[in-house]
C-alpha atoms as a PDB file:
ATOM      1  CA  UNK A   1      59.869 174.430 -29.732  1.00  0.00           C
ATOM      2  CA  UNK A   2      61.406 177.948 -29.521  1.00  0.00           C
ATOM      3  CA  UNK A   3      64.407 178.682 -27.392  1.00  0.00           C
ATOM      4  CA  UNK A   4      63.512 180.062 -23.953  1.00  0.00           C
ATOM      5  CA  UNK A   5      63.951 183.855 -23.610  1.00  0.00           C
ATOM      6  CA  UNK A   6      66.855 184.943 -21.459  1.00  0.00           C
ATOM      7  CA  UNK A   7      65.802 186.941 -18.382  1.00  0.00           C
ATOM      8  CA  UNK A   8      67.317 190.388 -18.631  1.00  0.00           C
ATOM      9  CA  UNK A   9      69.238 192.070 -15.805  1.00  0.00           C
ATOM     10  CA  UNK A  10      68.757 195.828 -16.213  1.00  0.00           C
ATOM     11  CA  UNK A  11      70.166 196.463 -12.714  1.00  0.00           C
ATOM     12  CA  UNK A  12      73.629 195.196 -13.737  1.00  0.00           C
ATOM     13  CA  UNK A  13      74.779 198.181 -15.783  1.00  0.00           C
ATOM     14  CA  UNK A  14      73.751 200.976 -18.063  1.00  0.00           C
ATOM     15  CA  UNK A  15      74.341 198.766 -21.087  1.00  0.00           C
ATOM     16  CA  UNK A  16      71.972 196.174 -19.653  1.00  0.00           C
ATOM     17  CA  UNK A  17      69.403 198.852 -18.813  1.00  0.00           C
ATOM     18  CA  UNK A  18      69.494 200.051 -22.383  1.00  0.00           C
ATOM     19  CA  UNK A  19      69.013 196.526 -23.751  1.00  0.00           C
ATOM     20  CA  UNK A  20      66.162 195.895 -21.363  1.00  0.00           C
ATOM     21  CA  UNK A  21      64.432 199.080 -22.461  1.00  0.00           C
ATOM     22  CA  UNK A  22      64.893 198.114 -26.119  1.00  0.00           C
ATOM     23  CA  UNK A  23      63.178 194.790 -25.502  1.00  0.00           C
ATOM     24  CA  UNK A  24      60.358 196.418 -23.558  1.00  0.00           C
ATOM     25  CA  UNK A  25      59.776 198.923 -26.358  1.00  0.00           C
ATOM     26  CA  UNK A  26      59.872 196.155 -28.994  1.00  0.00           C
ATOM     27  CA  UNK A  27      57.460 193.990 -27.007  1.00  0.00           C
ATOM     28  CA  UNK A  28      55.160 196.975 -26.604  1.00  0.00           C
ATOM     29  CA  UNK A  29      54.942 197.298 -30.371  1.00  0.00           C
ATOM     30  CA  UNK A  30      54.489 193.572 -30.863  1.00  0.00           C
ATOM     31  CA  UNK A  31      57.615 193.337 -33.047  1.00  0.00           C
ATOM     32  CA  UNK A  32      59.817 190.331 -33.411  1.00  0.00           C
ATOM     33  CA  UNK A  33      63.545 190.870 -33.572  1.00  0.00           C
ATOM     34  CA  UNK A  34      63.379 190.137 -37.278  1.00  0.00           C
ATOM     35  CA  UNK A  35      60.753 192.792 -37.865  1.00  0.00           C
ATOM     36  CA  UNK A  36      62.665 195.397 -35.800  1.00  0.00           C
ATOM     37  CA  UNK A  37      65.785 194.520 -37.701  1.00  0.00           C
ATOM     38  CA  UNK A  38      64.076 194.974 -41.037  1.00  0.00           C
ATOM     39  CA  UNK A  39      62.634 198.367 -40.094  1.00  0.00           C
ATOM     40  CA  UNK A  40      65.786 199.654 -38.433  1.00  0.00           C
ATOM     41  CA  UNK A  41      68.047 197.982 -41.077  1.00  0.00           C
ATOM     42  CA  UNK A  42      70.163 196.060 -38.605  1.00  0.00           C
ATOM     43  CA  UNK A  43      70.697 192.327 -38.166  1.00  0.00           C
ATOM     44  CA  UNK A  44      68.203 190.641 -35.852  1.00  0.00           C
ATOM     45  CA  UNK A  45      70.824 188.506 -34.063  1.00  0.00           C
ATOM     46  CA  UNK A  46      72.862 191.658 -33.410  1.00  0.00           C
ATOM     47  CA  UNK A  47      69.811 193.410 -31.930  1.00  0.00           C
ATOM     48  CA  UNK A  48      69.233 190.336 -29.725  1.00  0.00           C
ATOM     49  CA  UNK A  49      72.760 190.666 -28.334  1.00  0.00           C
ATOM     50  CA  UNK A  50      72.116 194.322 -27.603  1.00  0.00           C
ATOM     51  CA  UNK A  51      68.938 193.460 -25.685  1.00  0.00           C
ATOM     52  CA  UNK A  52      70.811 190.921 -23.572  1.00  0.00           C
ATOM     53  CA  UNK A  53      73.610 193.359 -22.849  1.00  0.00           C
ATOM     54  CA  UNK A  54      76.220 191.170 -24.545  1.00  0.00           C
ATOM     55  CA  UNK A  55      77.178 194.095 -26.709  1.00  0.00           C
ATOM     56  CA  UNK A  56      76.641 197.828 -26.527  1.00  0.00           C
ATOM     57  CA  UNK A  57      74.877 199.659 -29.376  1.00  0.00           C
ATOM     58  CA  UNK A  58      76.392 202.473 -31.413  1.00  0.00           C
ATOM     59  CA  UNK A  59      74.623 205.824 -31.308  1.00  0.00           C
ATOM     60  CA  UNK A  60      73.231 205.398 -34.846  1.00  0.00           C
ATOM     61  CA  UNK A  61      71.626 202.063 -33.823  1.00  0.00           C
ATOM     62  CA  UNK A  62      70.092 203.723 -30.735  1.00  0.00           C
ATOM     63  CA  UNK A  63      68.737 206.503 -32.928  1.00  0.00           C
ATOM     64  CA  UNK A  64      67.328 204.097 -35.491  1.00  0.00           C
ATOM     65  CA  UNK A  65      65.602 201.911 -32.843  1.00  0.00           C
ATOM     66  CA  UNK A  66      64.255 205.000 -31.096  1.00  0.00           C
ATOM     67  CA  UNK A  67      62.758 206.222 -34.338  1.00  0.00           C
ATOM     68  CA  UNK A  68      61.262 202.868 -35.388  1.00  0.00           C
ATOM     69  CA  UNK A  69      59.829 202.139 -31.962  1.00  0.00           C
ATOM     70  CA  UNK A  70      58.486 205.659 -31.396  1.00  0.00           C
ATOM     71  CA  UNK A  71      60.438 205.987 -28.130  1.00  0.00           C
ATOM     72  CA  UNK A  72      60.405 209.782 -28.230  1.00  0.00           C
ATOM     73  CA  UNK A  73      64.173 210.060 -27.532  1.00  0.00           C
ATOM     74  CA  UNK A  74      64.154 207.743 -24.501  1.00  0.00           C
ATOM     75  CA  UNK A  75      66.429 205.112 -26.086  1.00  0.00           C
ATOM     76  CA  UNK A  76      68.845 207.822 -27.144  1.00  0.00           C
ATOM     77  CA  UNK A  77      68.804 209.350 -23.640  1.00  0.00           C
ATOM     78  CA  UNK A  78      69.478 205.974 -22.022  1.00  0.00           C
ATOM     79  CA  UNK A  79      72.235 205.275 -24.576  1.00  0.00           C
ATOM     80  CA  UNK A  80      74.081 208.458 -23.544  1.00  0.00           C
ATOM     81  CA  UNK A  81      73.565 207.545 -19.854  1.00  0.00           C
ATOM     82  CA  UNK A  82      75.089 204.074 -20.485  1.00  0.00           C
ATOM     83  CA  UNK A  83      77.891 205.543 -22.542  1.00  0.00           C
ATOM     84  CA  UNK A  84      78.789 207.952 -19.707  1.00  0.00           C
ATOM     85  CA  UNK A  85      78.790 205.027 -17.247  1.00  0.00           C
ATOM     86  CA  UNK A  86      81.129 203.011 -19.485  1.00  0.00           C
ATOM     87  CA  UNK A  87      83.515 205.934 -19.950  1.00  0.00           C
ATOM     88  CA  UNK A  88      83.599 206.531 -16.180  1.00  0.00           C
ATOM     89  CA  UNK A  89      84.357 202.822 -15.618  1.00  0.00           C
ATOM     90  CA  UNK A  90      87.231 203.004 -18.080  1.00  0.00           C
ATOM     91  CA  UNK A  91      88.959 205.820 -16.080  1.00  0.00           C
ATOM     92  CA  UNK A  92      91.481 205.214 -13.316  1.00  0.00           C
ATOM     93  CA  UNK A  93      89.626 204.187 -10.154  1.00  0.00           C
ATOM     94  CA  UNK A  94      86.872 202.704 -12.209  1.00  0.00           C
ATOM     95  CA  UNK A  95      88.175 199.981 -14.490  1.00  0.00           C
ATOM     96  CA  UNK A  96      85.574 198.046 -16.346  1.00  0.00           C
ATOM     97  CA  UNK A  97      84.411 194.821 -14.768  1.00  0.00           C
ATOM     98  CA  UNK A  98      85.941 191.868 -16.660  1.00  0.00           C
ATOM     99  CA  UNK A  99      83.480 189.573 -18.412  1.00  0.00           C
ATOM    100  CA  UNK A 100      82.570 186.137 -17.017  1.00  0.00           C
ATOM    101  CA  UNK A 101      81.350 184.542 -13.806  1.00  0.00           C
ATOM    102  CA  UNK A 102      84.851 184.767 -12.267  1.00  0.00           C
ATOM    103  CA  UNK A 103      84.671 188.514 -12.179  1.00  0.00           C
ATOM    104  CA  UNK A 104      81.276 188.399 -10.470  1.00  0.00           C
ATOM    105  CA  UNK A 105      82.667 186.018  -7.841  1.00  0.00           C
ATOM    106  CA  UNK A 106      85.539 188.486  -7.329  1.00  0.00           C
ATOM    107  CA  UNK A 107      83.317 191.489  -6.617  1.00  0.00           C
ATOM    108  CA  UNK A 108      81.132 189.535  -4.235  1.00  0.00           C
ATOM    109  CA  UNK A 109      84.239 188.790  -2.128  1.00  0.00           C
ATOM    110  CA  UNK A 110      85.542 192.363  -2.026  1.00  0.00           C
ATOM    111  CA  UNK A 111      84.822 195.080   0.549  1.00  0.00           C
ATOM    112  CA  UNK A 112      82.574 197.759  -0.906  1.00  0.00           C
ATOM    113  CA  UNK A 113      85.236 200.483  -0.962  1.00  0.00           C
ATOM    114  CA  UNK A 114      87.518 198.135  -2.941  1.00  0.00           C
ATOM    115  CA  UNK A 115      84.755 197.367  -5.463  1.00  0.00           C
ATOM    116  CA  UNK A 116      84.246 201.078  -5.836  1.00  0.00           C
ATOM    117  CA  UNK A 117      87.937 201.931  -6.326  1.00  0.00           C
ATOM    118  CA  UNK A 118      88.603 199.074  -8.774  1.00  0.00           C
ATOM    119  CA  UNK A 119      85.390 198.813 -10.797  1.00  0.00           C
ATOM    120  CA  UNK A 120      83.273 201.855  -9.995  1.00  0.00           C
ATOM    121  CA  UNK A 121      79.585 201.938 -10.718  1.00  0.00           C
ATOM    122  CA  UNK A 122      79.678 198.827 -12.888  1.00  0.00           C
ATOM    123  CA  UNK A 123      81.205 196.777 -10.120  1.00  0.00           C
ATOM    124  CA  UNK A 124      78.726 198.051  -7.532  1.00  0.00           C
ATOM    125  CA  UNK A 125      75.774 197.321  -9.871  1.00  0.00           C
ATOM    126  CA  UNK A 126      77.120 193.795 -10.401  1.00  0.00           C
ATOM    127  CA  UNK A 127      77.474 193.250  -6.656  1.00  0.00           C
ATOM    128  CA  UNK A 128      73.940 194.592  -6.110  1.00  0.00           C
ATOM    129  CA  UNK A 129      72.540 192.242  -8.768  1.00  0.00           C
ATOM    130  CA  UNK A 130      74.251 189.295  -7.138  1.00  0.00           C
ATOM    131  CA  UNK A 131      72.966 190.172  -3.628  1.00  0.00           C
ATOM    132  CA  UNK A 132      69.429 190.891  -4.797  1.00  0.00           C
ATOM    133  CA  UNK A 133      69.274 187.581  -6.663  1.00  0.00           C
ATOM    134  CA  UNK A 134      69.414 185.876  -3.262  1.00  0.00           C
ATOM    135  CA  UNK A 135      66.236 187.531  -2.054  1.00  0.00           C
ATOM    136  CA  UNK A 136      63.568 184.747  -1.704  1.00  0.00           C
ATOM    137  CA  UNK A 137      60.652 186.671  -3.138  1.00  0.00           C
ATOM    138  CA  UNK A 138      60.650 187.290  -6.902  1.00  0.00           C
ATOM    139  CA  UNK A 139      58.365 190.310  -6.430  1.00  0.00           C
ATOM    140  CA  UNK A 140      60.883 191.745  -3.963  1.00  0.00           C
ATOM    141  CA  UNK A 141      63.740 191.273  -6.458  1.00  0.00           C
ATOM    142  CA  UNK A 142      61.718 193.037  -9.098  1.00  0.00           C
ATOM    143  CA  UNK A 143      60.817 195.863  -6.755  1.00  0.00           C
ATOM    144  CA  UNK A 144      64.482 196.395  -5.835  1.00  0.00           C
ATOM    145  CA  UNK A 145      65.415 196.475  -9.527  1.00  0.00           C
ATOM    146  CA  UNK A 146      62.764 199.145 -10.161  1.00  0.00           C
ATOM    147  CA  UNK A 147      64.048 201.188  -7.249  1.00  0.00           C
ATOM    148  CA  UNK A 148      67.552 201.122  -8.592  1.00  0.00           C
ATOM    149  CA  UNK A 149      66.342 202.073 -12.027  1.00  0.00           C
ATOM    150  CA  UNK A 150      64.460 205.054 -10.642  1.00  0.00           C
ATOM    151  CA  UNK A 151      67.358 206.137  -8.424  1.00  0.00           C
ATOM    152  CA  UNK A 152      69.741 205.920 -11.376  1.00  0.00           C
ATOM    153  CA  UNK A 153      67.434 208.045 -13.526  1.00  0.00           C
ATOM    154  CA  UNK A 154      66.812 210.699 -10.880  1.00  0.00           C
ATOM    155  CA  UNK A 155      70.503 211.045  -9.934  1.00  0.00           C
ATOM    156  CA  UNK A 156      71.899 210.429 -13.448  1.00  0.00           C
ATOM    157  CA  UNK A 157      73.591 213.865 -13.616  1.00  0.00           C
ATOM    158  CA  UNK A 158      74.597 213.977  -9.935  1.00  0.00           C
ATOM    159  CA  UNK A 159      78.151 213.646  -8.709  1.00  0.00           C
ATOM    160  CA  UNK A 160      79.574 212.860  -5.274  1.00  0.00           C
ATOM    161  CA  UNK A 161      83.133 214.147  -5.178  1.00  0.00           C
ATOM    162  CA  UNK A 162      84.983 211.796  -7.548  1.00  0.00           C
ATOM    163  CA  UNK A 163      82.125 209.453  -8.529  1.00  0.00           C
ATOM    164  CA  UNK A 164      78.579 209.166  -9.817  1.00  0.00           C
ATOM    165  CA  UNK A 165      76.099 209.775  -6.993  1.00  0.00           C
ATOM    166  CA  UNK A 166      74.423 206.414  -7.610  1.00  0.00           C
ATOM    167  CA  UNK A 167      77.569 204.745  -6.194  1.00  0.00           C
ATOM    168  CA  UNK A 168      76.647 206.206  -2.783  1.00  0.00           C
ATOM    169  CA  UNK A 169      73.107 204.911  -3.037  1.00  0.00           C
ATOM    170  CA  UNK A 170      74.305 201.451  -4.049  1.00  0.00           C
ATOM    171  CA  UNK A 171      76.768 201.232  -1.158  1.00  0.00           C
ATOM    172  CA  UNK A 172      74.074 202.360   1.337  1.00  0.00           C
ATOM    173  CA  UNK A 173      71.766 199.589   0.138  1.00  0.00           C
ATOM    174  CA  UNK A 174      74.526 196.978  -0.174  1.00  0.00           C
ATOM    175  CA  UNK A 175      75.879 197.642   3.347  1.00  0.00           C
ATOM    176  CA  UNK A 176      72.384 197.046   4.751  1.00  0.00           C
ATOM    177  CA  UNK A 177      72.126 193.704   2.935  1.00  0.00           C
ATOM    178  CA  UNK A 178      75.692 192.416   3.333  1.00  0.00           C
ATOM    179  CA  UNK A 179      76.807 193.757   6.713  1.00  0.00           C
ATOM    180  CA  UNK A 180      73.527 194.270   8.546  1.00  0.00           C
ATOM    181  CA  UNK A 181      71.902 191.073   7.288  1.00  0.00           C
ATOM    182  CA  UNK A 182      68.672 192.741   6.109  1.00  0.00           C
ATOM    183  CA  UNK A 183      66.728 190.794   3.448  1.00  0.00           C
ATOM    184  CA  UNK A 184      63.687 193.064   3.400  1.00  0.00           C
ATOM    185  CA  UNK A 185      63.201 194.394  -0.152  1.00  0.00           C
ATOM    186  CA  UNK A 186      61.262 197.428   1.061  1.00  0.00           C
ATOM    187  CA  UNK A 187      64.130 198.553   3.268  1.00  0.00           C
ATOM    188  CA  UNK A 188      66.541 198.004   0.332  1.00  0.00           C
ATOM    189  CA  UNK A 189      64.270 200.100  -1.939  1.00  0.00           C
ATOM    190  CA  UNK A 190      64.093 202.889   0.631  1.00  0.00           C
ATOM    191  CA  UNK A 191      67.905 202.802   0.983  1.00  0.00           C
ATOM    192  CA  UNK A 192      68.340 203.256  -2.791  1.00  0.00           C
ATOM    193  CA  UNK A 193      65.780 206.069  -2.858  1.00  0.00           C
ATOM    194  CA  UNK A 194      66.747 207.752   0.415  1.00  0.00           C
ATOM    195  CA  UNK A 195      67.862 210.984  -1.280  1.00  0.00           C
ATOM    196  CA  UNK A 196      65.183 210.965  -4.042  1.00  0.00           C
ATOM    197  CA  UNK A 197      62.698 213.276  -2.334  1.00  0.00           C
ATOM    198  CA  UNK A 198      65.347 215.611  -0.833  1.00  0.00           C
ATOM    199  CA  UNK A 199      67.308 216.027  -4.099  1.00  0.00           C
ATOM    200  CA  UNK A 200      64.763 215.445  -6.874  1.00  0.00           C
ATOM    201  CA  UNK A 201      61.221 215.905  -5.648  1.00  0.00           C
ATOM    202  CA  UNK A 202      60.279 217.585  -8.871  1.00  0.00           C
ATOM    203  CA  UNK A 203      61.531 214.592 -10.840  1.00  0.00           C
ATOM    204  CA  UNK A 204      58.968 212.436  -8.970  1.00  0.00           C
ATOM    205  CA  UNK A 205      55.835 214.566  -9.052  1.00  0.00           C
ATOM    206  CA  UNK A 206      54.453 218.053  -8.754  1.00  0.00           C
ATOM    207  CA  UNK A 207      53.552 219.283  -5.246  1.00  0.00           C
ATOM    208  CA  UNK A 208      56.944 219.420  -3.623  1.00  0.00           C
ATOM    209  CA  UNK A 209      57.880 216.991  -0.847  1.00  0.00           C
ATOM    210  CA  UNK A 210      54.337 215.802  -0.221  1.00  0.00           C
ATOM    211  CA  UNK A 211      53.746 215.102  -3.915  1.00  0.00           C
ATOM    212  CA  UNK A 212      57.073 213.251  -4.209  1.00  0.00           C
ATOM    213  CA  UNK A 213      56.382 211.070  -1.160  1.00  0.00           C
ATOM    214  CA  UNK A 214      52.910 210.246  -2.556  1.00  0.00           C
ATOM    215  CA  UNK A 215      54.466 209.299  -5.909  1.00  0.00           C
ATOM    216  CA  UNK A 216      56.860 206.903  -4.117  1.00  0.00           C
ATOM    217  CA  UNK A 217      53.940 205.419  -2.207  1.00  0.00           C
ATOM    218  CA  UNK A 218      52.112 204.815  -5.492  1.00  0.00           C
ATOM    219  CA  UNK A 219      55.143 203.095  -7.012  1.00  0.00           C
ATOM    220  CA  UNK A 220      56.591 201.217  -4.110  1.00  0.00           C
ATOM    221  CA  UNK A 221      54.034 201.225  -1.292  1.00  0.00           C
ATOM    222  CA  UNK A 222      53.473 203.366   1.797  1.00  0.00           C
ATOM    223  CA  UNK A 223      56.195 201.745   3.887  1.00  0.00           C
ATOM    224  CA  UNK A 224      58.969 202.576   1.392  1.00  0.00           C
ATOM    225  CA  UNK A 225      57.643 206.122   1.026  1.00  0.00           C
ATOM    226  CA  UNK A 226      57.433 206.511   4.804  1.00  0.00           C
ATOM    227  CA  UNK A 227      61.016 205.366   5.313  1.00  0.00           C
ATOM    228  CA  UNK A 228      62.302 207.764   2.646  1.00  0.00           C
ATOM    229  CA  UNK A 229      60.274 210.552   4.241  1.00  0.00           C
ATOM    230  CA  UNK A 230      61.786 209.793   7.653  1.00  0.00           C
ATOM    231  CA  UNK A 231      65.367 210.168   6.427  1.00  0.00           C
ATOM    232  CA  UNK A 232      64.666 213.243   4.233  1.00  0.00           C
ATOM    233  CA  UNK A 233      66.070 216.427   5.653  1.00  0.00           C
ATOM    234  CA  UNK A 234      63.537 219.088   6.733  1.00  0.00           C
ATOM    235  CA  UNK A 235      62.874 222.491   5.222  1.00  0.00           C
ATOM    236  CA  UNK A 236      65.182 224.725   7.272  1.00  0.00           C
ATOM    237  CA  UNK A 237      63.994 227.746   9.205  1.00  0.00           C
ATOM    238  CA  UNK A 238      65.809 230.894   8.020  1.00  0.00           C
ATOM    239  CA  UNK A 239      68.180 232.464  10.511  1.00  0.00           C
ATOM    240  CA  UNK A 240      68.641 229.372  12.617  1.00  0.00           C
ATOM    241  CA  UNK A 241      71.651 227.042  12.635  1.00  0.00           C
ATOM    242  CA  UNK A 242      71.005 224.607   9.772  1.00  0.00           C
ATOM    243  CA  UNK A 243      73.324 221.967  11.166  1.00  0.00           C
ATOM    244  CA  UNK A 244      71.550 222.029  14.521  1.00  0.00           C
ATOM    245  CA  UNK A 245      68.197 221.792  12.761  1.00  0.00           C
ATOM    246  CA  UNK A 246      69.460 218.811  10.848  1.00  0.00           C
ATOM    247  CA  UNK A 247      70.620 217.049  13.998  1.00  0.00           C
ATOM    248  CA  UNK A 248      67.386 217.766  15.812  1.00  0.00           C
ATOM    249  CA  UNK A 249      65.358 216.405  12.891  1.00  0.00           C
ATOM    250  CA  UNK A 250      67.413 213.219  12.779  1.00  0.00           C
ATOM    251  CA  UNK A 251      66.971 212.637  16.509  1.00  0.00           C
ATOM    252  CA  UNK A 252      63.169 213.114  16.454  1.00  0.00           C
ATOM    253  CA  UNK A 253      62.474 211.357  13.127  1.00  0.00           C
ATOM    254  CA  UNK A 254      64.641 208.283  13.786  1.00  0.00           C
ATOM    255  CA  UNK A 255      63.385 207.865  17.311  1.00  0.00           C
ATOM    256  CA  UNK A 256      59.926 207.209  15.795  1.00  0.00           C
ATOM    257  CA  UNK A 257      61.134 204.966  12.945  1.00  0.00           C
ATOM    258  CA  UNK A 258      63.400 202.047  13.887  1.00  0.00           C
ATOM    259  CA  UNK A 259      63.957 200.885  10.278  1.00  0.00           C
ATOM    260  CA  UNK A 260      64.846 204.436   9.195  1.00  0.00           C
ATOM    261  CA  UNK A 261      67.691 204.253  11.780  1.00  0.00           C
ATOM    262  CA  UNK A 262      69.154 201.329   9.807  1.00  0.00           C
ATOM    263  CA  UNK A 263      69.114 203.332   6.571  1.00  0.00           C
ATOM    264  CA  UNK A 264      70.570 206.451   8.220  1.00  0.00           C
ATOM    265  CA  UNK A 265      73.317 204.370   9.873  1.00  0.00           C
ATOM    266  CA  UNK A 266      74.472 203.075   6.467  1.00  0.00           C
ATOM    267  CA  UNK A 267      74.141 206.529   4.907  1.00  0.00           C
ATOM    268  CA  UNK A 268      76.080 208.097   7.772  1.00  0.00           C
ATOM    269  CA  UNK A 269      78.802 205.451   7.510  1.00  0.00           C
ATOM    270  CA  UNK A 270      79.222 206.068   3.812  1.00  0.00           C
ATOM    271  CA  UNK A 271      79.330 209.859   4.333  1.00  0.00           C
ATOM    272  CA  UNK A 272      82.010 209.399   6.949  1.00  0.00           C
ATOM    273  CA  UNK A 273      84.114 207.280   4.672  1.00  0.00           C
ATOM    274  CA  UNK A 274      83.570 209.780   1.842  1.00  0.00           C
ATOM    275  CA  UNK A 275      85.071 212.566   3.833  1.00  0.00           C
ATOM    276  CA  UNK A 276      88.531 211.189   3.162  1.00  0.00           C
ATOM    277  CA  UNK A 277      87.996 212.251  -0.480  1.00  0.00           C
ATOM    278  CA  UNK A 278      87.026 215.762   0.517  1.00  0.00           C
ATOM    279  CA  UNK A 279      89.561 218.447   1.211  1.00  0.00           C
ATOM    280  CA  UNK A 280      89.792 222.044   2.300  1.00  0.00           C
ATOM    281  CA  UNK A 281      87.213 224.033   4.264  1.00  0.00           C
ATOM    282  CA  UNK A 282      84.340 221.810   3.049  1.00  0.00           C
ATOM    283  CA  UNK A 283      85.817 218.756   4.787  1.00  0.00           C
ATOM    284  CA  UNK A 284      86.105 220.580   8.091  1.00  0.00           C
ATOM    285  CA  UNK A 285      82.586 222.037   7.711  1.00  0.00           C
ATOM    286  CA  UNK A 286      81.065 218.546   7.091  1.00  0.00           C
ATOM    287  CA  UNK A 287      83.079 217.070   9.977  1.00  0.00           C
ATOM    288  CA  UNK A 288      81.706 219.690  12.316  1.00  0.00           C
ATOM    289  CA  UNK A 289      78.194 218.964  11.010  1.00  0.00           C
ATOM    290  CA  UNK A 290      78.393 215.193  11.475  1.00  0.00           C
ATOM    291  CA  UNK A 291      80.488 214.840  14.613  1.00  0.00           C
ATOM    292  CA  UNK A 292      77.754 215.884  17.117  1.00  0.00           C
ATOM    293  CA  UNK A 293      75.420 213.377  15.487  1.00  0.00           C
ATOM    294  CA  UNK A 294      77.593 210.353  16.395  1.00  0.00           C
ATOM    295  CA  UNK A 295      76.351 210.030  20.021  1.00  0.00           C
ATOM    296  CA  UNK A 296      72.730 210.511  18.841  1.00  0.00           C
ATOM    297  CA  UNK A 297      73.008 207.731  16.302  1.00  0.00           C
ATOM    298  CA  UNK A 298      74.899 205.518  18.732  1.00  0.00           C
ATOM    299  CA  UNK A 299      72.059 205.807  21.242  1.00  0.00           C
ATOM    300  CA  UNK A 300      69.400 205.098  18.587  1.00  0.00           C
ATOM    301  CA  UNK A 301      71.189 202.042  17.160  1.00  0.00           C
ATOM    302  CA  UNK A 302      71.718 200.568  20.626  1.00  0.00           C
ATOM    303  CA  UNK A 303      68.030 200.737  21.521  1.00  0.00           C
ATOM    304  CA  UNK A 304      66.226 197.390  21.893  1.00  0.00           C
ATOM    305  CA  UNK A 305      63.642 198.238  19.226  1.00  0.00           C
ATOM    306  CA  UNK A 306      66.251 198.802  16.517  1.00  0.00           C
ATOM    307  CA  UNK A 307      65.554 195.733  14.276  1.00  0.00           C
ATOM    308  CA  UNK A 308      69.077 194.414  13.865  1.00  0.00           C
ATOM    309  CA  UNK A 309      70.954 191.470  15.418  1.00  0.00           C
ATOM    310  CA  UNK A 310      73.544 192.182  18.100  1.00  0.00           C
ATOM    311  CA  UNK A 311      76.437 191.564  15.722  1.00  0.00           C
ATOM    312  CA  UNK A 312      75.180 194.145  13.257  1.00  0.00           C
ATOM    313  CA  UNK A 313      74.609 196.677  15.998  1.00  0.00           C
ATOM    314  CA  UNK A 314      78.111 196.130  17.303  1.00  0.00           C
ATOM    315  CA  UNK A 315      79.540 196.634  13.780  1.00  0.00           C
ATOM    316  CA  UNK A 316      77.618 199.942  13.356  1.00  0.00           C
ATOM    317  CA  UNK A 317      78.648 201.182  16.817  1.00  0.00           C
ATOM    318  CA  UNK A 318      82.277 200.367  16.045  1.00  0.00           C
ATOM    319  CA  UNK A 319      82.082 202.250  12.771  1.00  0.00           C
ATOM    320  CA  UNK A 320      80.563 205.240  14.485  1.00  0.00           C
ATOM    321  CA  UNK A 321      83.538 205.333  16.832  1.00  0.00           C
ATOM    322  CA  UNK A 322      85.833 205.238  13.785  1.00  0.00           C
ATOM    323  CA  UNK A 323      83.811 207.993  12.153  1.00  0.00           C
ATOM    324  CA  UNK A 324      84.116 210.155  15.239  1.00  0.00           C
ATOM    325  CA  UNK A 325      87.885 209.659  15.205  1.00  0.00           C
ATOM    326  CA  UNK A 326      87.941 210.604  11.475  1.00  0.00           C
ATOM    327  CA  UNK A 327      85.894 213.738  12.089  1.00  0.00           C
ATOM    328  CA  UNK A 328      88.144 214.747  14.987  1.00  0.00           C
ATOM    329  CA  UNK A 329      91.231 214.240  12.841  1.00  0.00           C
ATOM    330  CA  UNK A 330      89.842 216.407  10.035  1.00  0.00           C
ATOM    331  CA  UNK A 331      88.869 219.144  12.469  1.00  0.00           C
ATOM    332  CA  UNK A 332      92.312 219.080  14.092  1.00  0.00           C
ATOM    333  CA  UNK A 333      94.007 219.156  10.681  1.00  0.00           C
ATOM    334  CA  UNK A 334      91.883 222.210   9.690  1.00  0.00           C
ATOM    335  CA  UNK A 335      93.032 223.881  12.911  1.00  0.00           C
ATOM    336  CA  UNK A 336      96.701 223.337  11.909  1.00  0.00           C
ATOM    337  CA  UNK A 337      97.484 220.008  13.568  1.00  0.00           C
ATOM    338  CA  UNK A 338      97.563 217.409  10.753  1.00  0.00           C
ATOM    339  CA  UNK A 339      96.510 213.960  11.865  1.00  0.00           C
ATOM    340  CA  UNK A 340      96.065 210.905   9.612  1.00  0.00           C
ATOM    341  CA  UNK A 341      92.502 209.690   9.346  1.00  0.00           C
ATOM    342  CA  UNK A 342      91.686 206.004   9.973  1.00  0.00           C
ATOM    343  CA  UNK A 343      91.356 203.707   6.945  1.00  0.00           C
ATOM    344  CA  UNK A 344      87.937 203.406   5.341  1.00  0.00           C
ATOM    345  CA  UNK A 345      85.605 200.557   6.278  1.00  0.00           C
ATOM    346  CA  UNK A 346      83.024 198.808   4.139  1.00  0.00           C
END
């Protein structure tokens, strides 16, 4: 009897995503590892380790497999994406996650900002994989994995100050699961994809915002698409104050969508923490944009129909107070009165 196939974990890292794509392409062709090895001229057991993410391929291997499997450059593109992720993880502030179960236990015990500073994207992906593995529904776990894969592809070239943009998306989703106690895979998917329509509508479908929302509905269902739409910024009217339009949109949209409030609260918390890594006029500009939104969000989160337990609401409300203090400190510093900002919270 043959050995049971190992279940792959593409959500864990770029290396694992590459291996998962290799297996999917091989399966699609109906090739065994031995046949792929013969055609690509690489050892079958080595290719098996690449599929499982135990090793990372060299570029010539990626190119050979792409050619043999007729992947049209996709395996090479994913290889470069994984290689960038590895190089980023090897830099200061993003050390690679050590191998073994002990490392995974370590990141599951760390605050999110510590995981980010020590292990970067790789650590956040490992934490996400561990948290999603606890979801009771296999279909929900699969859906969350697909959402992360799509978010990673859409935002692959995006940066957020000192880090890959996907780190922000992972923290927004993880905060909802870990600190808000949400186990709803559709909410997790919407959190991962909350900037997809706003930033990369054309990467989802033709037809602008409406086409992109429809594409998300086709892939993840109408509820996920509706939540993403609710937290997507509007098209701004020329000549009017953009920041005021943003705040008005948030107040109206979130009043009608209780679950969207949960996503926006996590997003807002992460943005508030991120301002400590922003300097100069941009930091003050963002602080002035976000500060007036704190009482609006506080009111929305405190409402009885916001679907969170009292403990989670209290946590969010406390973090909003901290965010308001941080914004005020940044604004005062920009005006010439330097004040230390509070420490970041997970």
